PDB file of N, CA and C in Angstrom:
ATOM      1  N   MET A   1      88.541  33.688 -87.409  1.00  0.00           N
ATOM      2  CA  MET A   1      89.233  32.388 -87.388  1.00  0.00           C
ATOM      3  C   MET A   1      89.299  32.332 -86.018  1.00  0.00           C
ATOM      4  N   ALA A   2      88.835  30.633 -85.959  1.00  0.00           N
ATOM      5  CA  ALA A   2      88.803  29.723 -84.064  1.00  0.00           C
ATOM      6  C   ALA A   2      90.167  29.820 -84.143  1.00  0.00           C
ATOM      7  N   ASP A   3      89.796  29.575 -82.525  1.00  0.00           N
ATOM      8  CA  ASP A   3      91.391  29.400 -81.901  1.00  0.00           C
ATOM      9  C   ASP A   3      92.032  27.904 -82.348  1.00  0.00           C
ATOM     10  N   LYS A   4      93.459  27.739 -82.244  1.00  0.00           N
ATOM     11  CA  LYS A   4      93.190  26.175 -82.776  1.00  0.00           C
ATOM     12  C   LYS A   4      94.604  25.820 -81.120  1.00  0.00           C
ATOM     13  N   LEU A   5      94.540  24.395 -80.929  1.00  0.00           N
ATOM     14  CA  LEU A   5      95.057  23.930 -79.668  1.00  0.00           C
ATOM     15  C   LEU A   5      96.319  23.531 -80.239  1.00  0.00           C
ATOM     16  N   HIS A   6      97.372  23.617 -78.895  1.00  0.00           N
ATOM     17  CA  HIS A   6      98.688  22.972 -79.624  1.00  0.00           C
ATOM     18  C   HIS A   6      98.714  21.186 -79.116  1.00  0.00           C
ATOM     19  N   PHE A   7      98.556  20.488 -80.038  1.00  0.00           N
ATOM     20  CA  PHE A   7      98.734  19.200 -79.724  1.00  0.00           C
ATOM     21  C   PHE A   7      99.705  18.608 -79.575  1.00  0.00           C
ATOM     22  N   SER A   8     100.577  17.522 -78.744  1.00  0.00           N
ATOM     23  CA  SER A   8     101.434  16.617 -79.224  1.00  0.00           C
ATOM     24  C   SER A   8     101.637  15.600 -78.655  1.00  0.00           C
ATOM     25  N   LEU A   9     101.803  14.516 -79.756  1.00  0.00           N
ATOM     26  CA  LEU A   9     101.806  13.159 -79.183  1.00  0.00           C
ATOM     27  C   LEU A   9     102.793  12.483 -79.557  1.00  0.00           C
ATOM     28  N   VAL A  10     104.005  11.473 -78.148  1.00  0.00           N
ATOM     29  CA  VAL A  10     104.573  10.955 -77.886  1.00  0.00           C
ATOM     30  C   VAL A  10     104.677   9.718 -77.291  1.00  0.00           C
ATOM     31  N   SER A  11     105.459   8.991 -77.691  1.00  0.00           N
ATOM     32  CA  SER A  11     105.450   7.353 -77.829  1.00  0.00           C
ATOM     33  C   SER A  11     106.602   7.526 -77.171  1.00  0.00           C
ATOM     34  N   PRO A  12     107.286   6.239 -76.859  1.00  0.00           N
ATOM     35  CA  PRO A  12     108.669   6.058 -76.036  1.00  0.00           C
ATOM     36  C   PRO A  12     109.809   6.255 -77.118  1.00  0.00           C
ATOM     37  N   GLU A  13     109.222   5.956 -78.603  1.00  0.00           N
ATOM     38  CA  GLU A  13     110.035   5.899 -79.779  1.00  0.00           C
ATOM     39  C   GLU A  13     110.409   7.408 -80.296  1.00  0.00           C
ATOM     40  N   ARG A  14     109.330   7.999 -80.263  1.00  0.00           N
ATOM     41  CA  ARG A  14     109.681   9.319 -80.981  1.00  0.00           C
ATOM     42  C   ARG A  14     108.264  10.119 -80.727  1.00  0.00           C
ATOM     43  N   GLU A  15     108.183  11.673 -81.096  1.00  0.00           N
ATOM     44  CA  GLU A  15     107.013  12.504 -81.463  1.00  0.00           C
ATOM     45  C   GLU A  15     106.113  12.194 -82.598  1.00  0.00           C
ATOM     46  N   LEU A  16     105.173  11.599 -82.621  1.00  0.00           N
ATOM     47  CA  LEU A  16     104.770  11.246 -83.843  1.00  0.00           C
ATOM     48  C   LEU A  16     104.024  12.795 -84.336  1.00  0.00           C
ATOM     49  N   TYR A  17     103.164  13.501 -83.334  1.00  0.00           N
ATOM     50  CA  TYR A  17     102.951  14.647 -83.818  1.00  0.00           C
ATOM     51  C   TYR A  17     102.944  15.759 -83.242  1.00  0.00           C
ATOM     52  N   ALA A  18     103.169  16.974 -83.512  1.00  0.00           N
ATOM     53  CA  ALA A  18     103.383  18.212 -82.902  1.00  0.00           C
ATOM     54  C   ALA A  18     102.775  19.195 -83.927  1.00  0.00           C
ATOM     55  N   GLY A  19     101.630  20.074 -83.325  1.00  0.00           N
ATOM     56  CA  GLY A  19     101.332  21.303 -84.604  1.00  0.00           C
ATOM     57  C   GLY A  19     100.293  21.859 -83.271  1.00  0.00           C
ATOM     58  N   GLU A  20      99.712  22.539 -84.179  1.00  0.00           N
ATOM     59  CA  GLU A  20      98.229  23.411 -84.148  1.00  0.00           C
ATOM     60  C   GLU A  20      96.864  22.750 -84.838  1.00  0.00           C
ATOM     61  N   VAL A  21      95.998  22.589 -84.076  1.00  0.00           N
ATOM     62  CA  VAL A  21      94.965  21.448 -84.657  1.00  0.00           C
ATOM     63  C   VAL A  21      93.509  21.945 -84.156  1.00  0.00           C
ATOM     64  N   ASP A  22      92.649  21.583 -84.282  1.00  0.00           N
ATOM     65  CA  ASP A  22      91.006  22.064 -84.119  1.00  0.00           C
ATOM     66  C   ASP A  22      90.808  21.639 -83.075  1.00  0.00           C
ATOM     67  N   GLN A  23      90.680  20.115 -82.883  1.00  0.00           N
ATOM     68  CA  GLN A  23      90.232  19.329 -81.845  1.00  0.00           C
ATOM     69  C   GLN A  23      90.957  17.761 -82.216  1.00  0.00           C
ATOM     70  N   VAL A  24      91.288  17.414 -80.614  1.00  0.00           N
ATOM     71  CA  VAL A  24      91.566  15.788 -80.581  1.00  0.00           C
ATOM     72  C   VAL A  24      90.502  15.060 -79.943  1.00  0.00           C
ATOM     73  N   ASP A  25      90.393  13.931 -80.278  1.00  0.00           N
ATOM     74  CA  ASP A  25      89.052  12.692 -79.546  1.00  0.00           C
ATOM     75  C   ASP A  25      90.189  11.767 -78.836  1.00  0.00           C
ATOM     76  N   ALA A  26      90.054  11.507 -78.258  1.00  0.00           N
ATOM     77  CA  ALA A  26      90.889  10.181 -76.926  1.00  0.00           C
ATOM     78  C   ALA A  26      90.084   9.188 -76.337  1.00  0.00           C
ATOM     79  N   PRO A  27      90.908   7.999 -76.452  1.00  0.00           N
ATOM     80  CA  PRO A  27      89.869   6.742 -75.381  1.00  0.00           C
ATOM     81  C   PRO A  27      90.727   7.457 -74.320  1.00  0.00           C
ATOM     82  N   GLY A  28      89.688   7.947 -72.847  1.00  0.00           N
ATOM     83  CA  GLY A  28      90.185   8.456 -71.665  1.00  0.00           C
ATOM     84  C   GLY A  28      89.658   6.870 -70.942  1.00  0.00           C
ATOM     85  N   SER A  29      90.256   6.197 -69.762  1.00  0.00           N
ATOM     86  CA  SER A  29      90.020   5.161 -68.826  1.00  0.00           C
ATOM     87  C   SER A  29      88.674   5.054 -68.822  1.00  0.00           C
ATOM     88  N   GLU A  30      88.084   6.190 -68.733  1.00  0.00           N
ATOM     89  CA  GLU A  30      86.630   6.407 -67.931  1.00  0.00           C
ATOM     90  C   GLU A  30      86.015   6.487 -69.651  1.00  0.00           C
ATOM     91  N   GLY A  31      86.283   6.776 -70.576  1.00  0.00           N
ATOM     92  CA  GLY A  31      85.518   7.503 -71.456  1.00  0.00           C
ATOM     93  C   GLY A  31      86.156   7.863 -72.462  1.00  0.00           C
ATOM     94  N   ASP A  32      85.646   8.122 -73.878  1.00  0.00           N
ATOM     95  CA  ASP A  32      85.908   8.795 -75.050  1.00  0.00           C
ATOM     96  C   ASP A  32      85.994  10.325 -74.229  1.00  0.00           C
ATOM     97  N   PHE A  33      86.810  11.606 -75.172  1.00  0.00           N
ATOM     98  CA  PHE A  33      86.582  12.716 -74.560  1.00  0.00           C
ATOM     99  C   PHE A  33      87.500  13.322 -75.783  1.00  0.00           C
ATOM    100  N   GLY A  34      86.822  14.760 -75.637  1.00  0.00           N
ATOM    101  CA  GLY A  34      87.458  15.823 -77.022  1.00  0.00           C
ATOM    102  C   GLY A  34      87.961  16.892 -76.400  1.00  0.00           C
ATOM    103  N   VAL A  35      89.304  17.242 -76.800  1.00  0.00           N
ATOM    104  CA  VAL A  35      89.689  18.734 -76.222  1.00  0.00           C
ATOM    105  C   VAL A  35      89.659  19.699 -77.728  1.00  0.00           C
ATOM    106  N   LEU A  36      89.122  20.769 -77.290  1.00  0.00           N
ATOM    107  CA  LEU A  36      89.191  22.158 -77.731  1.00  0.00           C
ATOM    108  C   LEU A  36      89.920  22.895 -77.724  1.00  0.00           C
ATOM    109  N   ALA A  37      90.560  24.108 -78.060  1.00  0.00           N
ATOM    110  CA  ALA A  37      91.476  25.315 -77.518  1.00  0.00           C
ATOM    111  C   ALA A  37      90.361  26.032 -76.619  1.00  0.00           C
ATOM    112  N   GLY A  38      90.861  26.105 -75.551  1.00  0.00           N
ATOM    113  CA  GLY A  38      90.476  26.750 -73.646  1.00  0.00           C
ATOM    114  C   GLY A  38      89.587  25.915 -73.407  1.00  0.00           C
ATOM    115  N   HIS A  39      90.385  24.077 -73.280  1.00  0.00           N
ATOM    116  CA  HIS A  39      89.421  23.266 -72.526  1.00  0.00           C
ATOM    117  C   HIS A  39      90.017  23.776 -70.959  1.00  0.00           C
ATOM    118  N   ALA A  40      89.499  23.178 -70.057  1.00  0.00           N
ATOM    119  CA  ALA A  40      89.836  23.024 -68.879  1.00  0.00           C
ATOM    120  C   ALA A  40      91.085  21.885 -68.483  1.00  0.00           C
ATOM    121  N   PRO A  41      91.834  22.619 -67.856  1.00  0.00           N
ATOM    122  CA  PRO A  41      93.193  21.785 -67.396  1.00  0.00           C
ATOM    123  C   PRO A  41      92.789  20.614 -66.761  1.00  0.00           C
ATOM    124  N   PHE A  42      92.918  19.055 -66.983  1.00  0.00           N
ATOM    125  CA  PHE A  42      92.448  17.767 -66.815  1.00  0.00           C
ATOM    126  C   PHE A  42      94.109  17.047 -67.267  1.00  0.00           C
ATOM    127  N   MET A  43      93.868  16.305 -65.820  1.00  0.00           N
ATOM    128  CA  MET A  43      94.672  14.760 -66.623  1.00  0.00           C
ATOM    129  C   MET A  43      94.033  13.584 -66.101  1.00  0.00           C
ATOM    130  N   THR A  44      94.274  12.733 -67.093  1.00  0.00           N
ATOM    131  CA  THR A  44      93.438  11.482 -67.261  1.00  0.00           C
ATOM    132  C   THR A  44      94.245  10.378 -68.153  1.00  0.00           C
ATOM    133  N   ALA A  45      94.240   9.247 -67.193  1.00  0.00           N
ATOM    134  CA  ALA A  45      94.845   7.634 -68.058  1.00  0.00           C
ATOM    135  C   ALA A  45      94.137   7.358 -69.316  1.00  0.00           C
ATOM    136  N   LEU A  46      94.842   6.557 -70.229  1.00  0.00           N
ATOM    137  CA  LEU A  46      94.242   6.516 -71.162  1.00  0.00           C
ATOM    138  C   LEU A  46      94.224   4.887 -71.744  1.00  0.00           C
ATOM    139  N   ARG A  47      93.028   4.467 -72.187  1.00  0.00           N
ATOM    140  CA  ARG A  47      93.294   2.836 -72.563  1.00  0.00           C
ATOM    141  C   ARG A  47      93.631   2.951 -74.367  1.00  0.00           C
ATOM    142  N   GLU A  48      93.599   1.981 -74.006  1.00  0.00           N
ATOM    143  CA  GLU A  48      93.731   1.304 -75.636  1.00  0.00           C
ATOM    144  C   GLU A  48      92.447   1.471 -76.773  1.00  0.00           C
ATOM    145  N   GLY A  49      92.825   2.303 -78.046  1.00  0.00           N
ATOM    146  CA  GLY A  49      92.078   2.983 -78.874  1.00  0.00           C
ATOM    147  C   GLY A  49      92.656   3.736 -79.499  1.00  0.00           C
ATOM    148  N   GLU A  50      91.885   4.968 -80.581  1.00  0.00           N
ATOM    149  CA  GLU A  50      92.151   5.412 -81.697  1.00  0.00           C
ATOM    150  C   GLU A  50      92.179   7.417 -80.899  1.00  0.00           C
ATOM    151  N   VAL A  51      92.991   7.665 -81.604  1.00  0.00           N
ATOM    152  CA  VAL A  51      93.385   9.099 -80.998  1.00  0.00           C
ATOM    153  C   VAL A  51      93.038   9.587 -82.573  1.00  0.00           C
ATOM    154  N   THR A  52      91.635  10.851 -82.704  1.00  0.00           N
ATOM    155  CA  THR A  52      91.788  11.243 -83.910  1.00  0.00           C
ATOM    156  C   THR A  52      91.850  12.737 -83.725  1.00  0.00           C
ATOM    157  N   VAL A  53      93.169  13.088 -84.775  1.00  0.00           N
ATOM    158  CA  VAL A  53      92.852  15.068 -85.025  1.00  0.00           C
ATOM    159  C   VAL A  53      92.391  15.396 -85.922  1.00  0.00           C
ATOM    160  N   HIS A  54      91.531  16.401 -85.816  1.00  0.00           N
ATOM    161  CA  HIS A  54      90.701  17.249 -86.734  1.00  0.00           C
ATOM    162  C   HIS A  54      91.361  18.378 -86.756  1.00  0.00           C
ATOM    163  N   ASN A  55      91.650  18.736 -88.384  1.00  0.00           N
ATOM    164  CA  ASN A  55      92.285  19.795 -88.134  1.00  0.00           C
ATOM    165  C   ASN A  55      91.931  20.318 -90.138  1.00  0.00           C
ATOM    166  N   GLY A  56      91.452  21.575 -90.218  1.00  0.00           N
ATOM    167  CA  GLY A  56      91.107  22.086 -91.187  1.00  0.00           C
ATOM    168  C   GLY A  56      90.022  21.000 -92.325  1.00  0.00           C
ATOM    169  N   GLY A  57      89.087  20.292 -91.526  1.00  0.00           N
ATOM    170  CA  GLY A  57      88.233  19.160 -92.099  1.00  0.00           C
ATOM    171  C   GLY A  57      88.915  18.060 -92.293  1.00  0.00           C
ATOM    172  N   ALA A  58      90.340  17.540 -92.332  1.00  0.00           N
ATOM    173  CA  ALA A  58      90.562  16.688 -92.585  1.00  0.00           C
ATOM    174  C   ALA A  58      90.930  15.801 -91.288  1.00  0.00           C
ATOM    175  N   THR A  59      90.922  14.779 -90.977  1.00  0.00           N
ATOM    176  CA  THR A  59      91.244  13.813 -89.800  1.00  0.00           C
ATOM    177  C   THR A  59      92.486  12.806 -89.885  1.00  0.00           C
ATOM    178  N   THR A  60      93.076  12.652 -88.879  1.00  0.00           N
ATOM    179  CA  THR A  60      93.908  11.651 -89.074  1.00  0.00           C
ATOM    180  C   THR A  60      93.974  10.725 -87.618  1.00  0.00           C
ATOM    181  N   LYS A  61      94.236   9.444 -87.956  1.00  0.00           N
ATOM    182  CA  LYS A  61      94.192   8.564 -86.525  1.00  0.00           C
ATOM    183  C   LYS A  61      95.350   7.878 -86.200  1.00  0.00           C
ATOM    184  N   TYR A  62      95.635   7.789 -85.035  1.00  0.00           N
ATOM    185  CA  TYR A  62      96.492   7.213 -84.237  1.00  0.00           C
ATOM    186  C   TYR A  62      96.078   6.020 -83.429  1.00  0.00           C
ATOM    187  N   ARG A  63      96.666   4.960 -83.707  1.00  0.00           N
ATOM    188  CA  ARG A  63      96.477   3.785 -82.372  1.00  0.00           C
ATOM    189  C   ARG A  63      97.238   3.289 -81.661  1.00  0.00           C
ATOM    190  N   ILE A  64      97.055   3.790 -80.155  1.00  0.00           N
ATOM    191  CA  ILE A  64      97.432   3.931 -79.488  1.00  0.00           C
ATOM    192  C   ILE A  64      97.069   2.745 -78.104  1.00  0.00           C
ATOM    193  N   GLU A  65      98.483   2.270 -77.120  1.00  0.00           N
ATOM    194  CA  GLU A  65      97.701   1.373 -76.431  1.00  0.00           C
ATOM    195  C   GLU A  65      97.872   1.765 -75.149  1.00  0.00           C
ATOM    196  N   GLY A  66      97.672   2.932 -74.708  1.00  0.00           N
ATOM    197  CA  GLY A  66      97.433   2.902 -73.185  1.00  0.00           C
ATOM    198  C   GLY A  66      98.449   4.402 -73.257  1.00  0.00           C
ATOM    199  N   GLY A  67      98.305   4.930 -71.949  1.00  0.00           N
ATOM    200  CA  GLY A  67      99.264   6.196 -71.670  1.00  0.00           C
ATOM    201  C   GLY A  67      98.424   7.171 -70.498  1.00  0.00           C
ATOM    202  N   PHE A  68      98.766   8.156 -70.878  1.00  0.00           N
ATOM    203  CA  PHE A  68      98.291   9.480 -70.449  1.00  0.00           C
ATOM    204  C   PHE A  68      97.804  10.501 -70.982  1.00  0.00           C
ATOM    205  N   ALA A  69      97.134  11.499 -70.767  1.00  0.00           N
ATOM    206  CA  ALA A  69      96.379  12.740 -71.587  1.00  0.00           C
ATOM    207  C   ALA A  69      96.602  13.951 -70.565  1.00  0.00           C
ATOM    208  N   ASP A  70      97.360  15.079 -71.021  1.00  0.00           N
ATOM    209  CA  ASP A  70      97.584  16.064 -69.923  1.00  0.00           C
ATOM    210  C   ASP A  70      97.204  17.206 -70.850  1.00  0.00           C
ATOM    211  N   VAL A  71      95.786  17.932 -69.960  1.00  0.00           N
ATOM    212  CA  VAL A  71      95.721  19.001 -70.498  1.00  0.00           C
ATOM    213  C   VAL A  71      95.687  20.439 -69.749  1.00  0.00           C
ATOM    214  N   THR A  72      96.613  21.290 -70.676  1.00  0.00           N
ATOM    215  CA  THR A  72      96.784  22.606 -69.831  1.00  0.00           C
ATOM    216  C   THR A  72      96.445  23.867 -70.720  1.00  0.00           C
ATOM    217  N   PRO A  73      96.958  25.318 -69.930  1.00  0.00           N
ATOM    218  CA  PRO A  73      96.603  26.459 -70.827  1.00  0.00           C
ATOM    219  C   PRO A  73      97.184  26.673 -71.827  1.00  0.00           C
ATOM    220  N   GLU A  74      98.263  25.608 -72.019  1.00  0.00           N
ATOM    221  CA  GLU A  74      99.064  25.601 -73.097  1.00  0.00           C
ATOM    222  C   GLU A  74      98.840  24.409 -74.590  1.00  0.00           C
ATOM    223  N   GLY A  75      98.362  23.633 -73.985  1.00  0.00           N
ATOM    224  CA  GLY A  75      97.500  22.463 -74.884  1.00  0.00           C
ATOM    225  C   GLY A  75      97.394  21.294 -74.635  1.00  0.00           C
ATOM    226  N   LEU A  76      97.179  20.254 -75.515  1.00  0.00           N
ATOM    227  CA  LEU A  76      97.330  18.778 -74.859  1.00  0.00           C
ATOM    228  C   LEU A  76      98.530  17.853 -75.228  1.00  0.00           C
ATOM    229  N   THR A  77      98.906  17.417 -74.418  1.00  0.00           N
ATOM    230  CA  THR A  77     100.298  16.166 -74.730  1.00  0.00           C
ATOM    231  C   THR A  77      99.636  14.827 -74.471  1.00  0.00           C
ATOM    232  N   ILE A  78      99.802  14.017 -75.153  1.00  0.00           N
ATOM    233  CA  ILE A  78      99.533  12.691 -74.472  1.00  0.00           C
ATOM    234  C   ILE A  78     100.668  11.901 -74.555  1.00  0.00           C
ATOM    235  N   LEU A  79     100.991  11.409 -73.776  1.00  0.00           N
ATOM    236  CA  LEU A  79     102.354  10.319 -73.835  1.00  0.00           C
ATOM    237  C   LEU A  79     101.732   8.897 -73.572  1.00  0.00           C
ATOM    238  N   ALA A  80     101.844   8.718 -74.680  1.00  0.00           N
ATOM    239  CA  ALA A  80     101.628   7.014 -74.724  1.00  0.00           C
ATOM    240  C   ALA A  80     102.549   6.109 -74.924  1.00  0.00           C
ATOM    241  N   GLU A  81     101.632   5.100 -74.401  1.00  0.00           N
ATOM    242  CA  GLU A  81     102.823   3.728 -73.940  1.00  0.00           C
ATOM    243  C   GLU A  81     103.330   3.148 -75.271  1.00  0.00           C
ATOM    244  N   SER A  82     102.624   3.260 -76.253  1.00  0.00           N
ATOM    245  CA  SER A  82     102.393   2.656 -77.893  1.00  0.00           C
ATOM    246  C   SER A  82     101.932   3.420 -78.407  1.00  0.00           C
ATOM    247  N   ALA A  83     102.079   4.261 -79.939  1.00  0.00           N
ATOM    248  CA  ALA A  83     101.533   4.961 -80.599  1.00  0.00           C
ATOM    249  C   ALA A  83     101.972   4.452 -82.572  1.00  0.00           C
ATOM    250  N   VAL A  84     100.984   4.301 -83.202  1.00  0.00           N
ATOM    251  CA  VAL A  84     101.143   4.212 -84.354  1.00  0.00           C
ATOM    252  C   VAL A  84     100.005   4.778 -85.421  1.00  0.00           C
ATOM    253  N   ALA A  85     100.627   5.039 -86.541  1.00  0.00           N
ATOM    254  CA  ALA A  85      99.441   5.950 -87.403  1.00  0.00           C
ATOM    255  C   ALA A  85      98.564   4.826 -88.082  1.00  0.00           C
ATOM    256  N   ALA A  86      97.113   4.814 -87.431  1.00  0.00           N
ATOM    257  CA  ALA A  86      96.230   3.994 -87.636  1.00  0.00           C
ATOM    258  C   ALA A  86      96.060   3.647 -89.345  1.00  0.00           C
TER     259      ALA A  86
END
């Protein structure tokens, strides 16, 4: 079994998602990017767009209005200015 990535999506109102996933794709301010387990740490600003969560063959999408993404050895956290399920 492949390693899983811990992912958390947080908006000012609430935490929309928290759990182990296969991959997350996000709209970075300098271009879209994907994160898998074991990704090198980095932090970036996000632009308006969709965050796509891949897990076990299923995908879930969230519409965000910007914010920040922080990749650490523990996982990926997205702090969105606004986020809703797409």
